[in-house]
Amino acid sequence: MRRERVEDLYDEYGARVLAFARRRTDPATAEEITVDVFVVAWRRTADVPDVEPLLWLYGVARRLLANAHRAQRRREALLTALKGIRPPATHDVREPGPLLEALAALGKADREVLMLSAWEDLDARQIAAVLGRSEPAVHQRLHRARQRLRAQLERRTPHHCAAAPKEATARD
């Protein structure tokens, strides 16, 4: 019944809601707003009045358009604020170097736990929450992954063994 109701609403009023949105924003956003209007109608079918449902649909579209405009203003303000900030230097991924090569040689689980620790700067408790594991299990995975990474690094750079990651840090 709900599906039929929303399909009927879309068949009867979809083009009018789209035209309403297009008169207020760009075509791509208007299409997104129109889809979202009917998603709201799906979720709140009981709230859609039987008499003049188009007015209710316009009201939903109006609120969604206001939200979209506010989000656009926030994005523009952020871009303006970020213009003067220089992005951090990044490693050239076309030339991965021994560390990234060693990391790539590891299994997916080892890479994941190491990247969460080193790149995302998460401690063992946080990694456990992300992975859905216990904290002791994460400590063990980190220890083993670091050992395997060290072995991979030693194969690639035997004279730079000191570059291998140390055992568990204070964060772990």
C-alpha atoms as a PDB file:
ATOM      1  CA  MET A   1       0.000   0.000   0.000  1.00  0.00           C
ATOM      2  CA  ARG A   2       2.779   2.453   0.908  1.00  0.00           C
ATOM      3  CA  ARG A   3       4.622   1.664  -2.305  1.00  0.00           C
ATOM      4  CA  GLU A   4       1.517   2.238  -4.395  1.00  0.00           C
ATOM      5  CA  ARG A   5       0.792   5.492  -2.577  1.00  0.00           C
ATOM      6  CA  VAL A   6       4.287   6.893  -3.173  1.00  0.00           C
ATOM      7  CA  GLU A   7       4.339   5.654  -6.782  1.00  0.00           C
ATOM      8  CA  ASP A   8       0.986   7.370  -7.363  1.00  0.00           C
ATOM      9  CA  LEU A   9       2.289  10.559  -5.767  1.00  0.00           C
ATOM     10  CA  TYR A  10       5.400  10.456  -7.941  1.00  0.00           C
ATOM     11  CA  ASP A  11       3.433   9.729 -11.118  1.00  0.00           C
ATOM     12  CA  GLU A  12       1.045  12.574 -10.440  1.00  0.00           C
ATOM     13  CA  TYR A  13       3.350  15.188  -8.893  1.00  0.00           C
ATOM     14  CA  GLY A  14       6.964  14.228  -9.649  1.00  0.00           C
ATOM     15  CA  ALA A  15       7.308  16.538 -12.652  1.00  0.00           C
ATOM     16  CA  ARG A  16       5.773  19.459 -10.751  1.00  0.00           C
ATOM     17  CA  VAL A  17       8.080  18.939  -7.757  1.00  0.00           C
ATOM     18  CA  LEU A  18      11.067  18.801 -10.126  1.00  0.00           C
ATOM     19  CA  ALA A  19       9.949  22.009 -11.853  1.00  0.00           C
ATOM     20  CA  PHE A  20       9.494  23.650  -8.431  1.00  0.00           C
ATOM     21  CA  ALA A  21      13.049  22.685  -7.466  1.00  0.00           C
ATOM     22  CA  ARG A  22      14.546  23.672 -10.847  1.00  0.00           C
ATOM     23  CA  ARG A  23      13.169  27.182 -10.490  1.00  0.00           C
ATOM     24  CA  ARG A  24      15.146  27.490  -7.251  1.00  0.00           C
ATOM     25  CA  THR A  25      18.457  25.711  -7.911  1.00  0.00           C
ATOM     26  CA  ASP A  26      20.667  24.094 -10.527  1.00  0.00           C
ATOM     27  CA  PRO A  27      19.353  21.062 -12.467  1.00  0.00           C
ATOM     28  CA  ALA A  28      21.483  18.442 -10.697  1.00  0.00           C
ATOM     29  CA  THR A  29      20.515  19.655  -7.231  1.00  0.00           C
ATOM     30  CA  ALA A  30      16.888  19.906  -8.341  1.00  0.00           C
ATOM     31  CA  GLU A  31      16.912  16.237  -9.317  1.00  0.00           C
ATOM     32  CA  GLU A  32      18.472  15.267  -5.979  1.00  0.00           C
ATOM     33  CA  ILE A  33      15.894  17.331  -4.116  1.00  0.00           C
ATOM     34  CA  THR A  34      13.070  15.694  -6.050  1.00  0.00           C
ATOM     35  CA  VAL A  35      14.330  12.229  -5.215  1.00  0.00           C
ATOM     36  CA  ASP A  36      14.716  13.223  -1.577  1.00  0.00           C
ATOM     37  CA  VAL A  37      11.167  14.606  -1.465  1.00  0.00           C
ATOM     38  CA  PHE A  38       9.810  11.214  -2.438  1.00  0.00           C
ATOM     39  CA  VAL A  39      12.123   9.445  -0.002  1.00  0.00           C
ATOM     40  CA  VAL A  40      10.588  11.606   2.729  1.00  0.00           C
ATOM     41  CA  ALA A  41       7.134  10.785   1.374  1.00  0.00           C
ATOM     42  CA  TRP A  42       8.032   7.090   1.561  1.00  0.00           C
ATOM     43  CA  ARG A  43       9.221   7.388   5.146  1.00  0.00           C
ATOM     44  CA  ARG A  44       6.316   9.555   6.233  1.00  0.00           C
ATOM     45  CA  THR A  45       3.497   8.218   4.085  1.00  0.00           C
ATOM     46  CA  ALA A  46       1.039   8.555   6.952  1.00  0.00           C
ATOM     47  CA  ASP A  47       1.805  12.306   7.132  1.00  0.00           C
ATOM     48  CA  VAL A  48       1.059  12.955   3.451  1.00  0.00           C
ATOM     49  CA  PRO A  49      -2.416  14.488   3.331  1.00  0.00           C
ATOM     50  CA  ASP A  50      -5.041  12.992   1.063  1.00  0.00           C
ATOM     51  CA  VAL A  51      -6.251  16.472   0.114  1.00  0.00           C
ATOM     52  CA  GLU A  52      -3.740  18.538  -1.855  1.00  0.00           C
ATOM     53  CA  PRO A  53      -0.651  16.391  -1.250  1.00  0.00           C
ATOM     54  CA  LEU A  54       1.263  18.585  -3.700  1.00  0.00           C
ATOM     55  CA  LEU A  55       1.352  21.375  -1.134  1.00  0.00           C
ATOM     56  CA  TRP A  56       2.899  19.009   1.414  1.00  0.00           C
ATOM     57  CA  LEU A  57       5.432  17.840  -1.203  1.00  0.00           C
ATOM     58  CA  TYR A  58       6.306  21.473  -1.997  1.00  0.00           C
ATOM     59  CA  GLY A  59       6.814  22.116   1.719  1.00  0.00           C
ATOM     60  CA  VAL A  60       9.219  19.186   1.959  1.00  0.00           C
ATOM     61  CA  ALA A  61      11.037  20.369  -1.173  1.00  0.00           C
ATOM     62  CA  ARG A  62      11.300  23.874   0.262  1.00  0.00           C
ATOM     63  CA  ARG A  63      12.915  22.606   3.469  1.00  0.00           C
ATOM     64  CA  LEU A  64      15.290  20.330   1.544  1.00  0.00           C
ATOM     65  CA  LEU A  65      16.267  23.232  -0.708  1.00  0.00           C
ATOM     66  CA  ALA A  66      16.972  25.390   2.345  1.00  0.00           C
ATOM     67  CA  ASN A  67      19.181  22.625   3.750  1.00  0.00           C
ATOM     68  CA  ALA A  68      21.009  22.320   0.420  1.00  0.00           C
ATOM     69  CA  HIS A  69      21.584  26.084   0.235  1.00  0.00           C
ATOM     70  CA  ARG A  70      22.928  26.177   3.809  1.00  0.00           C
ATOM     71  CA  ALA A  71      25.265  23.275   3.029  1.00  0.00           C
ATOM     72  CA  GLN A  72      26.476  25.065  -0.105  1.00  0.00           C
ATOM     73  CA  ARG A  73      27.179  28.241   1.865  1.00  0.00           C
ATOM     74  CA  ARG A  74      29.149  26.217   4.434  1.00  0.00           C
ATOM     75  CA  ARG A  75      31.187  24.556   1.650  1.00  0.00           C
ATOM     76  CA  GLU A  76      31.925  27.929   0.059  1.00  0.00           C
ATOM     77  CA  ALA A  77      32.958  29.435   3.406  1.00  0.00           C
ATOM     78  CA  LEU A  78      35.233  26.477   4.058  1.00  0.00           C
ATOM     79  CA  LEU A  79      36.824  26.761   0.618  1.00  0.00           C
ATOM     80  CA  THR A  80      37.421  30.462   1.200  1.00  0.00           C
ATOM     81  CA  ALA A  81      38.997  29.746   4.574  1.00  0.00           C
ATOM     82  CA  LEU A  82      41.184  26.993   3.121  1.00  0.00           C
ATOM     83  CA  LYS A  83      42.490  29.032   0.178  1.00  0.00           C
ATOM     84  CA  GLY A  84      45.358  30.476   2.198  1.00  0.00           C
ATOM     85  CA  ILE A  85      46.354  27.160   3.751  1.00  0.00           C
ATOM     86  CA  ARG A  86      49.083  25.223   2.026  1.00  0.00           C
ATOM     87  CA  PRO A  87      48.363  21.496   1.855  1.00  0.00           C
ATOM     88  CA  PRO A  88      50.825  19.212   3.638  1.00  0.00           C
ATOM     89  CA  ALA A  89      53.561  17.665   1.564  1.00  0.00           C
ATOM     90  CA  THR A  90      52.627  14.206   0.394  1.00  0.00           C
ATOM     91  CA  HIS A  91      54.725  11.281  -0.658  1.00  0.00           C
ATOM     92  CA  ASP A  92      54.849  10.749  -4.405  1.00  0.00           C
ATOM     93  CA  VAL A  93      52.879   7.531  -4.813  1.00  0.00           C
ATOM     94  CA  ARG A  94      54.364   6.945  -8.259  1.00  0.00           C
ATOM     95  CA  GLU A  95      57.651   6.136  -6.503  1.00  0.00           C
ATOM     96  CA  PRO A  96      56.534   4.249  -3.420  1.00  0.00           C
ATOM     97  CA  GLY A  97      59.930   3.655  -1.795  1.00  0.00           C
ATOM     98  CA  PRO A  98      60.850   0.794   0.508  1.00  0.00           C
ATOM     99  CA  LEU A  99      58.355   1.506   3.290  1.00  0.00           C
ATOM    100  CA  LEU A 100      55.308   1.548   1.013  1.00  0.00           C
ATOM    101  CA  GLU A 101      56.630  -1.453  -0.911  1.00  0.00           C
ATOM    102  CA  ALA A 102      57.072  -3.358   2.369  1.00  0.00           C
ATOM    103  CA  LEU A 103      53.608  -2.325   3.499  1.00  0.00           C
ATOM    104  CA  ALA A 104      52.123  -3.451   0.182  1.00  0.00           C
ATOM    105  CA  ALA A 105      53.809  -6.843   0.589  1.00  0.00           C
ATOM    106  CA  LEU A 106      51.949  -7.481   3.848  1.00  0.00           C
ATOM    107  CA  GLY A 107      48.566  -9.120   4.123  1.00  0.00           C
ATOM    108  CA  LYS A 108      45.446  -7.006   4.197  1.00  0.00           C
ATOM    109  CA  ALA A 109      44.876  -7.486   7.955  1.00  0.00           C
ATOM    110  CA  ASP A 110      48.468  -6.446   8.766  1.00  0.00           C
ATOM    111  CA  ARG A 111      48.246  -3.371   6.525  1.00  0.00           C
ATOM    112  CA  GLU A 112      44.936  -2.375   8.034  1.00  0.00           C
ATOM    113  CA  VAL A 113      46.048  -2.533  11.666  1.00  0.00           C
ATOM    114  CA  LEU A 114      49.347  -0.751  10.907  1.00  0.00           C
ATOM    115  CA  MET A 115      47.645   1.980   8.913  1.00  0.00           C
ATOM    116  CA  LEU A 116      45.048   2.558  11.624  1.00  0.00           C
ATOM    117  CA  SER A 117      47.848   2.885  14.149  1.00  0.00           C
ATOM    118  CA  ALA A 118      50.377   4.921  12.174  1.00  0.00           C
ATOM    119  CA  TRP A 119      48.374   6.862   9.606  1.00  0.00           C
ATOM    120  CA  GLU A 120      45.121   7.405  11.475  1.00  0.00           C
ATOM    121  CA  ASP A 121      46.964   7.815  14.804  1.00  0.00           C
ATOM    122  CA  LEU A 122      44.580   5.509  16.667  1.00  0.00           C
ATOM    123  CA  ASP A 123      45.542   3.729  19.861  1.00  0.00           C
ATOM    124  CA  ALA A 124      44.836   0.040  20.488  1.00  0.00           C
ATOM    125  CA  ARG A 125      41.505   0.736  22.194  1.00  0.00           C
ATOM    126  CA  GLN A 126      40.328   2.816  19.229  1.00  0.00           C
ATOM    127  CA  ILE A 127      41.572   0.276  16.703  1.00  0.00           C
ATOM    128  CA  ALA A 128      39.716  -2.433  18.613  1.00  0.00           C
ATOM    129  CA  ALA A 129      36.511  -0.411  18.282  1.00  0.00           C
ATOM    130  CA  VAL A 130      37.045   0.105  14.542  1.00  0.00           C
ATOM    131  CA  LEU A 131      37.831  -3.558  13.896  1.00  0.00           C
ATOM    132  CA  GLY A 132      35.335  -5.023  16.330  1.00  0.00           C
ATOM    133  CA  ARG A 133      38.113  -6.871  18.177  1.00  0.00           C
ATOM    134  CA  SER A 134      39.301  -6.939  21.763  1.00  0.00           C
ATOM    135  CA  GLU A 135      42.101  -4.617  22.813  1.00  0.00           C
ATOM    136  CA  PRO A 136      44.460  -7.515  23.673  1.00  0.00           C
ATOM    137  CA  ALA A 137      43.842  -8.996  20.214  1.00  0.00           C
ATOM    138  CA  VAL A 138      44.745  -5.658  18.632  1.00  0.00           C
ATOM    139  CA  HIS A 139      47.956  -5.454  20.681  1.00  0.00           C
ATOM    140  CA  GLN A 140      48.891  -8.909  19.406  1.00  0.00           C
ATOM    141  CA  ARG A 141      47.997  -8.055  15.801  1.00  0.00           C
ATOM    142  CA  LEU A 142      50.034  -4.847  15.979  1.00  0.00           C
ATOM    143  CA  HIS A 143      53.031  -6.701  17.418  1.00  0.00           C
ATOM    144  CA  ARG A 144      52.935  -9.373  14.720  1.00  0.00           C
ATOM    145  CA  ALA A 145      52.261  -6.889  11.919  1.00  0.00           C
ATOM    146  CA  ARG A 146      55.217  -4.764  13.019  1.00  0.00           C
ATOM    147  CA  GLN A 147      57.455  -7.837  13.031  1.00  0.00           C
ATOM    148  CA  ARG A 148      56.366  -8.750   9.502  1.00  0.00           C
ATOM    149  CA  LEU A 149      56.811  -5.152   8.337  1.00  0.00           C
ATOM    150  CA  ARG A 150      60.293  -5.043   9.856  1.00  0.00           C
ATOM    151  CA  ALA A 151      61.191  -8.286   8.035  1.00  0.00           C
ATOM    152  CA  GLN A 152      59.897  -6.847   4.749  1.00  0.00           C
ATOM    153  CA  LEU A 153      61.881  -3.643   5.278  1.00  0.00           C
ATOM    154  CA  GLU A 154      65.060  -5.580   6.076  1.00  0.00           C
ATOM    155  CA  ARG A 155      64.688  -7.479   2.792  1.00  0.00           C
ATOM    156  CA  ARG A 156      64.383  -4.204   0.880  1.00  0.00           C
ATOM    157  CA  THR A 157      66.909  -2.106   2.812  1.00  0.00           C
ATOM    158  CA  PRO A 158      69.294  -4.337   4.787  1.00  0.00           C
ATOM    159  CA  HIS A 159      71.604  -1.413   5.592  1.00  0.00           C
ATOM    160  CA  HIS A 160      68.718   0.693   6.950  1.00  0.00           C
ATOM    161  CA  CYS A 161      67.370  -1.689   9.579  1.00  0.00           C
ATOM    162  CA  ALA A 162      67.081   1.228  11.979  1.00  0.00           C
ATOM    163  CA  ALA A 163      64.278   2.556   9.752  1.00  0.00           C
ATOM    164  CA  ALA A 164      62.080  -0.368  10.773  1.00  0.00           C
ATOM    165  CA  PRO A 165      59.309   0.505  13.192  1.00  0.00           C
ATOM    166  CA  LYS A 166      60.020  -0.002  16.863  1.00  0.00           C
ATOM    167  CA  GLU A 167      57.942  -2.320  18.983  1.00  0.00           C
ATOM    168  CA  ALA A 168      54.795  -1.117  20.675  1.00  0.00           C
ATOM    169  CA  THR A 169      54.791   2.585  21.392  1.00  0.00           C
ATOM    170  CA  ALA A 170      53.258   4.297  24.389  1.00  0.00           C
ATOM    171  CA  ARG A 171      50.019   4.720  22.397  1.00  0.00           C
ATOM    172  CA  ASP A 172      49.528   0.971  22.149  1.00  0.00           C
END
